[in-house]
């Protein structure tokens, strides 16, 4: 190479060292783009829950505090958005530990919220005694103390004391008998309450067993129904106007579909829809649509990660031949966590479109009919794509959003 061409060559040489504009580290020019897109700790990424942008190195810290991230209640295992968890603990969680209502009177018991009523019934007498003891303590704090005996009083300053009543002792005795009768009646009622509680516990256990049986049958029916879809699933979202009102009022709207199978045997998937809030950055007033893998009956028989093509559609429910569905087709990306074999009931990572469709577009055609939105998902696995019958089928890529 001639010396006069050296400077021009260095400006384009793929092996020259160039500085990353984000982390200020040096890489060969041929590796810089890959580094900035997939490796740089300061590359921009979006939170999968609130869609706020941040550097990759800040992502882990944000995930621990994101108000829209889903977290699990440590007591009842309910999944909720993080910002709802405090109210859940204070008001709703039936397994959260709470103090007794009579804690200010000396009861030190703590129990699950759903056990409070039983505790109050079982310890009625003890709570009454605590209240009486507290009242006596308060009353004694107002009695004259011994230092008042040194105060000199002039007898002429006071009226003569009224004569004593001969029946005062009889009234006192009558009051004592009444108290004893009430205490005896309280003991009888306490025994009756214990018997009723025992009967109620027996009935509750029977009802719980029946509920568990019904729930198991419902789960089995749902699983059998999910296996009938064979990769073509239509999700009916009823009462959709209520979701739109929540979105307009800046209340988070996240909806999950039932699970469905791509075949028998096949992969189990589900859909997740977000109605992005008017204040959401970059995607305000958009419908976001994602696919999640789920733990299924045939996972041991399948090849992982899941590979194939997914066609997502919001269906135009107009009548006639001028139907125009909102549709996107995406290929799976095996290197993403969203398509690995799930280690829990539903893979928390999904894959799809943050800006699948503007919410305003719903009113341009009859996407909502009888207050119902229809979402269709057609899944073609890699094995089906390799079949000769699928020649000529060319899906488009998604926008690469993993949430």
Protein backbone atom coordinates (compact mmCIF):
# COMPACT_ATOMS: atom_id res chain seq x y z
CA UNK A 1 0.00 0.00 0.00
CA UNK A 2 1.29 3.43 -0.85
CA UNK A 3 1.90 5.75 2.08
CA UNK A 4 -0.44 8.38 0.68
CA UNK A 5 -3.33 5.89 0.92
CA UNK A 6 -2.60 4.85 4.51
CA UNK A 7 -4.71 7.52 6.23
CA UNK A 8 -7.72 6.74 4.05
CA UNK A 9 -7.30 3.02 4.73
CA UNK A 10 -7.08 3.47 8.50
CA UNK A 11 -10.34 5.42 8.47
CA UNK A 12 -12.16 2.35 7.11
CA UNK A 13 -9.98 -0.56 8.26
CA UNK A 14 -12.11 -3.29 9.88
CA UNK A 15 -9.22 -4.25 12.19
CA UNK A 16 -8.48 -0.74 13.46
CA UNK A 17 -9.22 0.01 17.14
CA UNK A 18 -12.14 2.38 17.64
CA UNK A 19 -13.72 3.68 20.81
CA UNK A 20 -17.24 2.77 21.90
CA UNK A 21 -19.12 6.03 22.37
CA UNK A 22 -21.03 4.61 25.33
CA UNK A 23 -18.51 2.81 27.54
CA UNK A 24 -15.28 4.34 26.11
CA UNK A 25 -13.69 0.90 25.60
CA UNK A 26 -11.74 0.08 22.41
CA UNK A 27 -12.72 -2.64 19.91
CA UNK A 28 -11.93 -3.60 16.36
CA UNK A 29 -14.18 -1.68 13.98
CA UNK A 30 -15.67 -4.95 12.69
CA UNK A 31 -16.80 -5.84 16.25
CA UNK A 32 -18.06 -2.42 17.33
CA UNK A 33 -21.64 -2.73 16.08
CA UNK A 34 -22.13 -6.14 17.71
CA UNK A 35 -20.69 -4.76 20.94
CA UNK A 36 -22.98 -1.69 21.00
CA UNK A 37 -26.11 -3.70 20.18
CA UNK A 38 -25.66 -6.76 22.37
CA UNK A 39 -22.69 -6.48 24.75
CA UNK A 40 -22.09 -2.90 25.89
CA UNK A 41 -23.10 -2.48 29.56
CA UNK A 42 -24.29 1.05 28.78
CA UNK A 43 -26.47 0.20 25.77
CA UNK A 44 -30.08 1.34 26.06
CA UNK A 45 -32.73 -1.27 26.95
CA UNK A 46 -36.39 -0.97 27.93
CA UNK A 47 -38.02 -2.33 31.06
CA UNK A 48 -40.32 -5.17 30.06
CA UNK A 49 -43.01 -3.92 32.45
CA UNK A 50 -43.07 -0.10 32.41
CA UNK A 51 -41.09 0.37 29.14
CA UNK A 52 -38.82 2.99 30.71
CA UNK A 53 -35.45 3.22 28.94
CA UNK A 54 -32.20 2.79 30.88
CA UNK A 55 -28.69 1.46 30.41
CA UNK A 56 -28.20 -2.29 30.57
CA UNK A 57 -26.10 -2.04 33.74
CA UNK A 58 -28.96 -0.20 35.51
CA UNK A 59 -31.54 -2.80 34.47
CA UNK A 60 -31.10 -5.23 37.38
CA UNK A 61 -31.51 -2.49 39.98
CA UNK A 62 -34.60 -1.18 38.21
CA UNK A 63 -36.20 -4.64 38.08
CA UNK A 64 -36.01 -4.80 41.88
CA UNK A 65 -38.04 -1.59 42.25
CA UNK A 66 -40.16 -1.28 39.09
CA UNK A 67 -43.71 -0.37 40.26
CA UNK A 68 -45.32 -2.26 37.35
CA UNK A 69 -43.30 -5.46 37.72
CA UNK A 70 -45.20 -8.54 38.78
CA UNK A 71 -44.23 -9.87 42.22
CA UNK A 72 -45.58 -12.74 44.28
CA UNK A 73 -47.14 -12.27 47.71
CA UNK A 74 -44.93 -14.11 50.20
CA UNK A 75 -47.98 -15.26 52.15
CA UNK A 76 -50.73 -16.28 49.67
CA UNK A 77 -48.57 -16.60 46.48
CA UNK A 78 -50.84 -14.22 44.53
CA UNK A 79 -49.17 -12.43 41.59
CA UNK A 80 -49.72 -8.66 41.69
CA UNK A 81 -48.14 -5.49 40.31
CA UNK A 82 -45.55 -4.31 42.85
CA UNK A 83 -47.30 -0.99 43.59
CA UNK A 84 -50.46 -2.89 44.58
CA UNK A 85 -48.67 -5.16 47.05
CA UNK A 86 -48.73 -2.80 50.07
CA UNK A 87 -52.51 -2.42 49.92
CA UNK A 88 -52.80 -6.19 49.40
CA UNK A 89 -50.88 -6.85 52.62
CA UNK A 90 -52.89 -4.29 54.61
CA UNK A 91 -56.38 -5.07 53.30
CA UNK A 92 -56.81 -8.24 51.26
CA UNK A 93 -54.26 -10.97 51.92
CA UNK A 94 -56.06 -13.67 53.88
CA UNK A 95 -52.78 -15.25 55.00
CA UNK A 96 -50.94 -12.08 56.06
CA UNK A 97 -50.03 -12.04 59.79
CA UNK A 98 -51.97 -9.43 61.76
CA UNK A 99 -52.19 -8.60 65.48
CA UNK A 100 -55.32 -9.28 67.55
CA UNK A 101 -57.93 -6.51 67.67
CA UNK A 102 -57.41 -6.40 71.46
CA UNK A 103 -53.66 -5.85 71.24
CA UNK A 104 -54.03 -2.49 73.03
CA UNK A 105 -55.62 -4.30 75.98
CA UNK A 106 -52.75 -6.78 76.30
CA UNK A 107 -53.42 -9.62 73.83
CA UNK A 108 -50.11 -10.47 72.18
CA UNK A 109 -51.39 -13.05 69.71
CA UNK A 110 -50.70 -12.75 65.99
CA UNK A 111 -52.46 -14.84 63.35
CA UNK A 112 -53.37 -15.01 59.68
CA UNK A 113 -56.14 -12.61 58.70
CA UNK A 114 -58.59 -15.44 57.99
CA UNK A 115 -58.04 -16.81 61.53
CA UNK A 116 -58.91 -13.57 63.34
CA UNK A 117 -62.66 -14.26 63.65
CA UNK A 118 -62.01 -17.69 65.18
CA UNK A 119 -59.47 -16.22 67.62
CA UNK A 120 -61.98 -13.57 68.76
CA UNK A 121 -64.60 -16.26 69.38
CA UNK A 122 -62.29 -18.64 71.23
CA UNK A 123 -60.81 -15.99 73.53
CA UNK A 124 -63.89 -13.88 74.26
CA UNK A 125 -63.59 -14.31 78.06
CA UNK A 126 -59.85 -13.62 78.06
CA UNK A 127 -60.37 -10.43 76.06
CA UNK A 128 -63.13 -9.30 78.45
CA UNK A 129 -60.82 -9.86 81.44
CA UNK A 130 -58.06 -7.88 79.69
CA UNK A 131 -60.46 -4.99 79.11
CA UNK A 132 -61.66 -5.11 82.74
CA UNK A 133 -58.07 -5.15 84.02
CA UNK A 134 -57.23 -2.18 81.79
CA UNK A 135 -60.26 -0.26 83.07
CA UNK A 136 -59.34 -1.01 86.69
CA UNK A 137 -55.81 0.19 86.07
CA UNK A 138 -57.12 3.42 84.54
CA UNK A 139 -59.56 3.93 87.44
CA UNK A 140 -56.88 3.35 90.10
CA UNK A 141 -54.75 6.07 88.54
CA UNK A 142 -57.36 8.61 89.69
CA UNK A 143 -57.62 7.49 93.40
CA UNK A 144 -56.20 9.82 96.12
CA UNK A 145 -52.59 9.13 97.05
CA UNK A 146 -51.11 8.85 100.54
CA UNK A 147 -49.55 12.33 100.52
CA UNK A 148 -53.06 13.86 100.69
CA UNK A 149 -53.41 12.59 104.27
CA UNK A 150 -51.13 15.43 105.46
CA UNK A 151 -53.55 18.07 104.17
CA UNK A 152 -55.42 19.76 107.10
CA UNK A 153 -59.17 20.12 106.64
CA UNK A 154 -61.60 22.26 108.62
CA UNK A 155 -64.68 20.16 109.55
CA UNK A 156 -66.79 23.33 109.66
CA UNK A 157 -66.32 23.80 105.91
CA UNK A 158 -68.38 20.73 105.03
CA UNK A 159 -72.03 19.72 105.38
CA UNK A 160 -72.86 16.85 107.73
CA UNK A 161 -72.70 13.49 106.03
CA UNK A 162 -76.09 12.00 105.10
CA UNK A 163 -77.24 9.05 107.19
CA UNK A 164 -76.19 5.60 105.91
CA UNK A 165 -78.79 3.42 104.23
CA UNK A 166 -79.43 0.08 105.88
CA UNK A 167 -80.02 -1.70 102.53
CA UNK A 168 -76.68 -0.76 100.88
CA UNK A 169 -75.16 -4.13 101.67
CA UNK A 170 -78.21 -5.88 100.20
CA UNK A 171 -77.81 -3.97 96.94
CA UNK A 172 -74.14 -4.88 96.83
CA UNK A 173 -74.99 -8.55 97.37
CA UNK A 174 -77.64 -8.39 94.64
CA UNK A 175 -75.13 -6.92 92.19
CA UNK A 176 -72.62 -9.68 93.02
CA UNK A 177 -75.24 -12.35 92.35
CA UNK A 178 -76.15 -10.71 89.03
CA UNK A 179 -72.48 -10.66 88.00
CA UNK A 180 -72.12 -14.35 88.93
CA UNK A 181 -75.20 -15.23 86.88
CA UNK A 182 -73.84 -13.32 83.88
CA UNK A 183 -70.47 -15.04 84.18
CA UNK A 184 -72.16 -18.46 84.35
CA UNK A 185 -74.21 -17.60 81.29
CA UNK A 186 -71.02 -16.47 79.52
CA UNK A 187 -69.35 -19.82 80.27
CA UNK A 188 -72.34 -21.70 78.79
CA UNK A 189 -72.26 -19.53 75.69
CA UNK A 190 -68.52 -20.08 75.38
CA UNK A 191 -69.05 -23.87 75.37
CA UNK A 192 -71.78 -23.50 72.74
CA UNK A 193 -69.49 -21.36 70.58
CA UNK A 194 -66.74 -24.00 70.82
CA UNK A 195 -69.17 -26.71 69.70
CA UNK A 196 -70.34 -24.56 66.79
CA UNK A 197 -66.74 -23.85 65.81
CA UNK A 198 -65.96 -27.59 65.80
CA UNK A 199 -68.98 -28.25 63.56
CA UNK A 200 -68.03 -25.35 61.32
CA UNK A 201 -64.45 -26.64 61.00
CA UNK A 202 -65.75 -30.05 59.98
CA UNK A 203 -68.09 -28.51 57.41
CA UNK A 204 -65.33 -26.19 56.20
CA UNK A 205 -62.99 -29.13 55.61
CA UNK A 206 -65.71 -30.92 53.63
CA UNK A 207 -66.41 -27.80 51.57
CA UNK A 208 -62.69 -27.24 51.00
CA UNK A 209 -62.28 -30.82 49.79
CA UNK A 210 -65.23 -30.40 47.42
CA UNK A 211 -63.79 -27.11 46.13
CA UNK A 212 -60.42 -28.76 45.52
CA UNK A 213 -62.13 -31.58 43.62
CA UNK A 214 -64.08 -29.10 41.49
CA UNK A 215 -60.93 -27.04 40.87
CA UNK A 216 -59.01 -30.16 39.81
CA UNK A 217 -61.80 -31.12 37.41
CA UNK A 218 -61.91 -27.58 36.01
CA UNK A 219 -58.11 -27.61 35.52
CA UNK A 220 -58.35 -30.98 33.79
CA UNK A 221 -61.15 -29.74 31.54
CA UNK A 222 -59.19 -26.58 30.71
CA UNK A 223 -56.10 -28.67 29.88
CA UNK A 224 -58.11 -31.03 27.65
CA UNK A 225 -59.75 -28.04 25.94
CA UNK A 226 -56.34 -26.39 25.39
CA UNK A 227 -55.12 -29.51 23.58
CA UNK A 228 -57.89 -29.24 20.98
CA UNK A 229 -56.65 -25.99 19.39
CA UNK A 230 -53.83 -27.58 17.35
CA UNK A 231 -51.98 -24.29 16.97
CA UNK A 232 -54.99 -22.14 16.02
CA UNK A 233 -56.29 -20.22 19.04
CA UNK A 234 -58.99 -17.51 19.11
CA UNK A 235 -59.05 -15.49 22.31
CA UNK A 236 -62.38 -13.83 23.15
CA UNK A 237 -61.88 -10.83 25.45
CA UNK A 238 -65.33 -9.95 26.79
CA UNK A 239 -66.36 -6.64 28.43
CA UNK A 240 -63.58 -4.90 26.52
CA UNK A 241 -65.09 -1.45 27.12
CA UNK A 242 -64.25 -1.81 30.82
CA UNK A 243 -60.58 -2.37 29.93
CA UNK A 244 -60.63 0.72 27.70
CA UNK A 245 -62.08 2.83 30.52
CA UNK A 246 -59.34 1.66 32.87
CA UNK A 247 -56.73 2.57 30.25
CA UNK A 248 -58.18 6.06 29.79
CA UNK A 249 -58.15 6.56 33.58
CA UNK A 250 -54.42 5.68 33.72
CA UNK A 251 -55.01 2.34 35.43
CA UNK A 252 -52.71 -0.48 34.22
CA UNK A 253 -54.42 -3.04 31.97
CA UNK A 254 -52.64 -6.40 31.60
CA UNK A 255 -54.66 -9.41 30.37
CA UNK A 256 -53.51 -13.02 29.97
CA UNK A 257 -55.27 -15.57 27.80
CA UNK A 258 -55.92 -19.21 28.71
CA UNK A 259 -53.23 -21.63 27.61
CA UNK A 260 -53.39 -23.50 24.30
CA UNK A 261 -51.32 -26.20 22.58
CA UNK A 262 -49.69 -26.14 19.15
CA UNK A 263 -50.67 -29.77 18.64
CA UNK A 264 -50.86 -33.12 20.38
CA UNK A 265 -48.16 -33.54 21.44
CA UNK A 266 -47.20 -29.87 21.24
CA UNK A 267 -45.95 -26.75 22.98
CA UNK A 268 -48.21 -24.93 25.42
CA UNK A 269 -48.47 -21.15 24.90
CA UNK A 270 -50.57 -18.20 26.02
CA UNK A 271 -51.02 -14.56 24.98
CA UNK A 272 -50.55 -11.36 27.00
CA UNK A 273 -52.10 -8.02 26.08
CA UNK A 274 -51.18 -4.59 27.46
CA UNK A 275 -53.28 -1.50 26.86
CA UNK A 276 -50.53 1.10 27.14
CA UNK A 277 -51.46 4.17 29.20
CA UNK A 278 -51.70 7.68 27.72
CA UNK A 279 -48.60 8.61 29.74
CA UNK A 280 -46.47 5.67 28.58
CA UNK A 281 -43.20 6.76 26.91
CA UNK A 282 -42.78 5.86 23.20
CA UNK A 283 -45.89 3.65 23.05
CA UNK A 284 -48.72 5.71 24.55
CA UNK A 285 -52.22 4.51 23.60
CA UNK A 286 -51.00 1.37 21.84
CA UNK A 287 -52.06 -2.26 22.16
CA UNK A 288 -49.06 -4.45 23.02
CA UNK A 289 -49.33 -8.17 22.25
CA UNK A 290 -46.92 -10.92 23.35
CA UNK A 291 -46.62 -14.71 23.34
CA UNK A 292 -45.45 -16.71 26.38
CA UNK A 293 -44.40 -20.35 26.65
CA UNK A 294 -46.01 -22.36 29.45
CA UNK A 295 -45.28 -25.63 31.18
CA UNK A 296 -47.22 -28.31 29.30
CA UNK A 297 -48.00 -31.99 29.41
CA UNK A 298 -45.62 -32.91 26.59
CA UNK A 299 -42.55 -30.81 27.46
CA UNK A 300 -40.35 -33.90 27.96
CA UNK A 301 -41.13 -35.06 24.43
CA UNK A 302 -40.39 -31.77 22.67
CA UNK A 303 -37.25 -30.11 21.33
CA UNK A 304 -36.22 -26.92 23.14
CA UNK A 305 -35.96 -24.02 22.59
CA UNK A 306 -39.27 -23.62 20.81
CA UNK A 307 -38.82 -22.74 17.13
CA UNK A 308 -41.42 -21.77 14.57
CA UNK A 309 -43.55 -18.96 13.17
CA UNK A 310 -46.35 -17.13 14.96
CA UNK A 311 -49.13 -15.17 13.25
CA UNK A 312 -50.92 -12.68 15.56
CA UNK A 313 -54.18 -11.03 14.49
CA UNK A 314 -56.84 -8.76 15.94
CA UNK A 315 -59.87 -9.77 13.92
CA UNK A 316 -62.11 -7.38 12.01
CA UNK A 317 -65.65 -8.55 12.87
CA UNK A 318 -67.30 -6.68 9.99
CA UNK A 319 -69.67 -8.57 7.72
CA UNK A 320 -69.01 -8.84 4.02
CA UNK A 321 -65.92 -9.16 1.90
CA UNK A 322 -64.08 -5.99 2.99
CA UNK A 323 -62.65 -7.50 6.17
CA UNK A 324 -59.23 -6.12 7.16
CA UNK A 325 -57.64 -7.83 10.15
CA UNK A 326 -54.71 -6.23 11.96
CA UNK A 327 -52.03 -8.91 11.53
CA UNK A 328 -48.32 -9.45 12.09
CA UNK A 329 -46.15 -12.53 11.52
CA UNK A 330 -42.97 -13.20 13.45
CA UNK A 331 -40.26 -15.85 13.59
CA UNK A 332 -39.13 -17.14 16.97
CA UNK A 333 -35.59 -16.44 18.15
CA UNK A 334 -34.20 -19.56 19.88
CA UNK A 335 -31.48 -17.64 21.75
CA UNK A 336 -34.04 -15.62 23.74
CA UNK A 337 -35.28 -16.67 27.18
CA UNK A 338 -38.84 -16.27 25.92
CA UNK A 339 -38.54 -19.52 23.93
CA UNK A 340 -36.58 -21.65 26.38
CA UNK A 341 -38.30 -24.44 28.30
CA UNK A 342 -40.23 -22.70 31.10
CA UNK A 343 -39.23 -23.42 34.71
CA UNK A 344 -42.54 -22.17 36.12
CA UNK A 345 -46.18 -22.40 35.10
CA UNK A 346 -45.81 -19.42 32.71
CA UNK A 347 -42.52 -18.11 31.38
CA UNK A 348 -42.25 -14.51 32.68
CA UNK A 349 -40.46 -13.54 29.46
CA UNK A 350 -42.64 -12.99 26.41
CA UNK A 351 -41.99 -12.08 22.78
CA UNK A 352 -44.07 -9.91 20.47
CA UNK A 353 -44.98 -6.32 19.65
CA UNK A 354 -44.95 -3.31 21.97
CA UNK A 355 -46.76 -1.26 19.31
CA UNK A 356 -48.97 -3.90 17.73
CA UNK A 357 -51.90 -1.56 17.02
CA UNK A 358 -53.01 1.96 18.03
CA UNK A 359 -56.00 1.87 20.36
CA UNK A 360 -57.71 4.56 18.27
CA UNK A 361 -57.64 2.19 15.27
CA UNK A 362 -60.13 -0.06 17.07
CA UNK A 363 -62.87 2.46 16.22
CA UNK A 364 -61.97 2.71 12.53
CA UNK A 365 -63.39 -0.75 11.79
CA UNK A 366 -65.55 -3.23 13.68
CA UNK A 367 -62.77 -4.77 15.76
CA UNK A 368 -65.07 -4.66 18.81
CA UNK A 369 -68.48 -6.29 18.46
CA UNK A 370 -70.92 -6.95 21.30
CA UNK A 371 -68.24 -5.54 23.63
CA UNK A 372 -65.92 -8.40 22.61
CA UNK A 373 -62.45 -8.26 21.02
CA UNK A 374 -61.19 -11.31 19.12
CA UNK A 375 -57.46 -12.09 19.01
CA UNK A 376 -56.22 -14.98 16.88
CA UNK A 377 -52.88 -16.75 17.16
CA UNK A 378 -51.73 -19.28 14.55
CA UNK A 379 -48.57 -21.16 15.44
CA UNK A 380 -46.54 -23.21 12.99
CA UNK A 381 -43.69 -25.20 14.58
CA UNK A 382 -40.30 -25.71 12.94
CA UNK A 383 -41.24 -29.30 12.08
CA UNK A 384 -44.28 -28.05 10.15
CA UNK A 385 -42.26 -25.30 8.45
CA UNK A 386 -39.82 -27.94 7.17
CA UNK A 387 -42.69 -29.93 5.69
CA UNK A 388 -42.90 -29.81 1.85
CA UNK A 389 -46.49 -28.64 2.17
CA UNK A 390 -45.27 -25.35 3.69
CA UNK A 391 -43.13 -24.26 0.74
CA UNK A 392 -43.75 -20.68 -0.30
CA UNK A 393 -44.70 -19.57 3.23
CA UNK A 394 -42.50 -16.59 4.12
CA UNK A 395 -43.21 -14.91 7.51
CA UNK A 396 -42.10 -11.40 8.38
CA UNK A 397 -39.95 -10.68 11.39
CA UNK A 398 -41.42 -9.06 14.50
CA UNK A 399 -40.19 -5.80 15.92
CA UNK A 400 -37.96 -7.87 18.17
CA UNK A 401 -39.61 -6.84 21.43
CA UNK A 402 -39.03 -9.20 24.31
CA UNK A 403 -41.21 -8.52 27.32
